[in-house]
Amino acid sequence: MELHLPSCRSLKAKRGVVKPVVEGIRKRYSLAVAEVAHQDTWQRATIGVVALSGEASHAVDQIDAAERFVWSFPEIQVLSSDRHWLEID
């Protein structure tokens, strides 16, 4: 997810916004999550979220919930959200 953080004026302020999102997704949904780009930019962040499941529908539900969680933060503007799937037979 590409995020815009308009209120952040420093990297410290950015960490204060991004950290609760990353930790919240990790704890609430047991998903792997990390800031994967724009680490040195104050008002931008890219969050990567990974779900592993035996059923595609369960992975979709988990990713949907994580995305809704990010949207629930009023200080964050979601610019885009892309999904990529890897299926192993």
C-alpha atoms as a PDB file:
ATOM      1  CA  MET A   1       0.000   0.000   0.000  1.00  0.00           C
ATOM      2  CA  GLU A   2       1.303   3.413  -0.988  1.00  0.00           C
ATOM      3  CA  LEU A   3       0.624   5.916   1.785  1.00  0.00           C
ATOM      4  CA  HIS A   4       0.762   9.692   2.076  1.00  0.00           C
ATOM      5  CA  LEU A   5       1.357  11.121   5.560  1.00  0.00           C
ATOM      6  CA  PRO A   6       0.625  14.848   5.178  1.00  0.00           C
ATOM      7  CA  SER A   7       1.080  15.768   8.846  1.00  0.00           C
ATOM      8  CA  CYS A   8       4.608  14.345   9.142  1.00  0.00           C
ATOM      9  CA  ARG A   9       7.412  16.916   9.171  1.00  0.00           C
ATOM     10  CA  SER A  10      10.259  14.580  10.161  1.00  0.00           C
ATOM     11  CA  LEU A  11      11.276  10.932  10.016  1.00  0.00           C
ATOM     12  CA  LYS A  12      10.569  10.697  13.747  1.00  0.00           C
ATOM     13  CA  ALA A  13       6.987  11.889  13.186  1.00  0.00           C
ATOM     14  CA  LYS A  14       6.643   9.428  10.320  1.00  0.00           C
ATOM     15  CA  ARG A  15       7.769   6.537  12.547  1.00  0.00           C
ATOM     16  CA  GLY A  16       5.148   7.605  15.070  1.00  0.00           C
ATOM     17  CA  VAL A  17       2.438   7.168  12.427  1.00  0.00           C
ATOM     18  CA  VAL A  18       3.742   4.093  10.595  1.00  0.00           C
ATOM     19  CA  LYS A  19       4.788   2.014  13.619  1.00  0.00           C
ATOM     20  CA  PRO A  20       1.272   1.610  15.099  1.00  0.00           C
ATOM     21  CA  VAL A  21      -0.017   0.565  11.678  1.00  0.00           C
ATOM     22  CA  VAL A  22       2.686  -2.048  11.128  1.00  0.00           C
ATOM     23  CA  GLU A  23       2.479  -3.422  14.669  1.00  0.00           C
ATOM     24  CA  GLY A  24      -1.320  -3.364  14.625  1.00  0.00           C
ATOM     25  CA  ILE A  25      -1.508  -5.432  11.443  1.00  0.00           C
ATOM     26  CA  ARG A  26       1.089  -7.846  12.799  1.00  0.00           C
ATOM     27  CA  LYS A  27      -0.711  -8.353  16.130  1.00  0.00           C
ATOM     28  CA  ARG A  28      -4.370  -8.220  15.061  1.00  0.00           C
ATOM     29  CA  TYR A  29      -4.161 -10.314  11.907  1.00  0.00           C
ATOM     30  CA  SER A  30      -0.941 -12.353  12.358  1.00  0.00           C
ATOM     31  CA  LEU A  31       0.336 -11.189   8.978  1.00  0.00           C
ATOM     32  CA  ALA A  32       3.872 -10.405   7.908  1.00  0.00           C
ATOM     33  CA  VAL A  33       4.155  -6.644   7.376  1.00  0.00           C
ATOM     34  CA  ALA A  34       6.967  -4.150   6.837  1.00  0.00           C
ATOM     35  CA  GLU A  35       7.695  -0.724   5.448  1.00  0.00           C
ATOM     36  CA  VAL A  36       9.274  -1.652   2.117  1.00  0.00           C
ATOM     37  CA  ALA A  37       9.969   1.688   0.394  1.00  0.00           C
ATOM     38  CA  HIS A  38      10.331   5.422   1.001  1.00  0.00           C
ATOM     39  CA  GLN A  39      12.052   4.880   4.354  1.00  0.00           C
ATOM     40  CA  ASP A  40      13.921   8.204   4.038  1.00  0.00           C
ATOM     41  CA  THR A  41      10.930  10.269   2.896  1.00  0.00           C
ATOM     42  CA  TRP A  42       8.897  12.129   5.514  1.00  0.00           C
ATOM     43  CA  GLN A  43       5.449  12.040   3.981  1.00  0.00           C
ATOM     44  CA  ARG A  44       5.495   8.793   1.987  1.00  0.00           C
ATOM     45  CA  ALA A  45       5.498   5.160   3.010  1.00  0.00           C
ATOM     46  CA  THR A  46       4.972   1.864   1.276  1.00  0.00           C
ATOM     47  CA  ILE A  47       3.715  -0.969   3.442  1.00  0.00           C
ATOM     48  CA  GLY A  48       3.991  -4.576   2.293  1.00  0.00           C
ATOM     49  CA  VAL A  49       1.663  -7.171   3.802  1.00  0.00           C
ATOM     50  CA  VAL A  50       1.966 -10.932   3.249  1.00  0.00           C
ATOM     51  CA  ALA A  51      -0.646 -13.602   3.927  1.00  0.00           C
ATOM     52  CA  LEU A  52       0.001 -17.331   3.627  1.00  0.00           C
ATOM     53  CA  SER A  53      -2.964 -19.659   3.555  1.00  0.00           C
ATOM     54  CA  GLY A  54      -4.135 -22.997   2.262  1.00  0.00           C
ATOM     55  CA  GLU A  55      -7.237 -21.277   0.885  1.00  0.00           C
ATOM     56  CA  ALA A  56      -7.249 -18.195  -1.311  1.00  0.00           C
ATOM     57  CA  SER A  57     -10.475 -16.912   0.252  1.00  0.00           C
ATOM     58  CA  HIS A  58      -8.893 -16.845   3.708  1.00  0.00           C
ATOM     59  CA  ALA A  59      -5.878 -14.890   2.415  1.00  0.00           C
ATOM     60  CA  VAL A  60      -8.202 -12.413   0.685  1.00  0.00           C
ATOM     61  CA  ASP A  61     -10.204 -11.924   3.894  1.00  0.00           C
ATOM     62  CA  GLN A  62      -7.025 -11.283   5.905  1.00  0.00           C
ATOM     63  CA  ILE A  63      -5.608  -8.789   3.396  1.00  0.00           C
ATOM     64  CA  ASP A  64      -8.999  -7.029   3.165  1.00  0.00           C
ATOM     65  CA  ALA A  65      -9.081  -6.682   6.959  1.00  0.00           C
ATOM     66  CA  ALA A  66      -5.529  -5.311   7.051  1.00  0.00           C
ATOM     67  CA  GLU A  67      -6.392  -2.793   4.340  1.00  0.00           C
ATOM     68  CA  ARG A  68      -9.499  -1.628   6.234  1.00  0.00           C
ATOM     69  CA  PHE A  69      -7.305  -1.258   9.328  1.00  0.00           C
ATOM     70  CA  VAL A  70      -4.941   1.088   7.447  1.00  0.00           C
ATOM     71  CA  TRP A  71      -7.894   3.094   6.103  1.00  0.00           C
ATOM     72  CA  SER A  72      -9.126   3.581   9.695  1.00  0.00           C
ATOM     73  CA  PHE A  73      -6.231   5.932  10.514  1.00  0.00           C
ATOM     74  CA  PRO A  74      -7.407   9.505   9.780  1.00  0.00           C
ATOM     75  CA  GLU A  75      -3.833  10.842   9.504  1.00  0.00           C
ATOM     76  CA  ILE A  76      -3.047   8.461   6.626  1.00  0.00           C
ATOM     77  CA  GLN A  77      -4.106   8.843   3.017  1.00  0.00           C
ATOM     78  CA  VAL A  78      -3.969   5.613   1.023  1.00  0.00           C
ATOM     79  CA  LEU A  79      -2.724   6.488  -2.463  1.00  0.00           C
ATOM     80  CA  SER A  80      -2.917   2.983  -3.910  1.00  0.00           C
ATOM     81  CA  SER A  81      -3.138  -0.648  -3.001  1.00  0.00           C
ATOM     82  CA  ASP A  82      -1.840  -3.407  -5.262  1.00  0.00           C
ATOM     83  CA  ARG A  83      -2.167  -7.139  -4.811  1.00  0.00           C
ATOM     84  CA  HIS A  84       0.034  -9.838  -6.225  1.00  0.00           C
ATOM     85  CA  TRP A  85      -0.666 -13.545  -5.870  1.00  0.00           C
ATOM     86  CA  LEU A  86       1.647 -16.522  -5.899  1.00  0.00           C
ATOM     87  CA  GLU A  87      -0.006 -19.895  -6.080  1.00  0.00           C
ATOM     88  CA  ILE A  88       1.998 -23.054  -5.600  1.00  0.00           C
ATOM     89  CA  ASP A  89       0.613 -26.393  -6.709  1.00  0.00           C
END
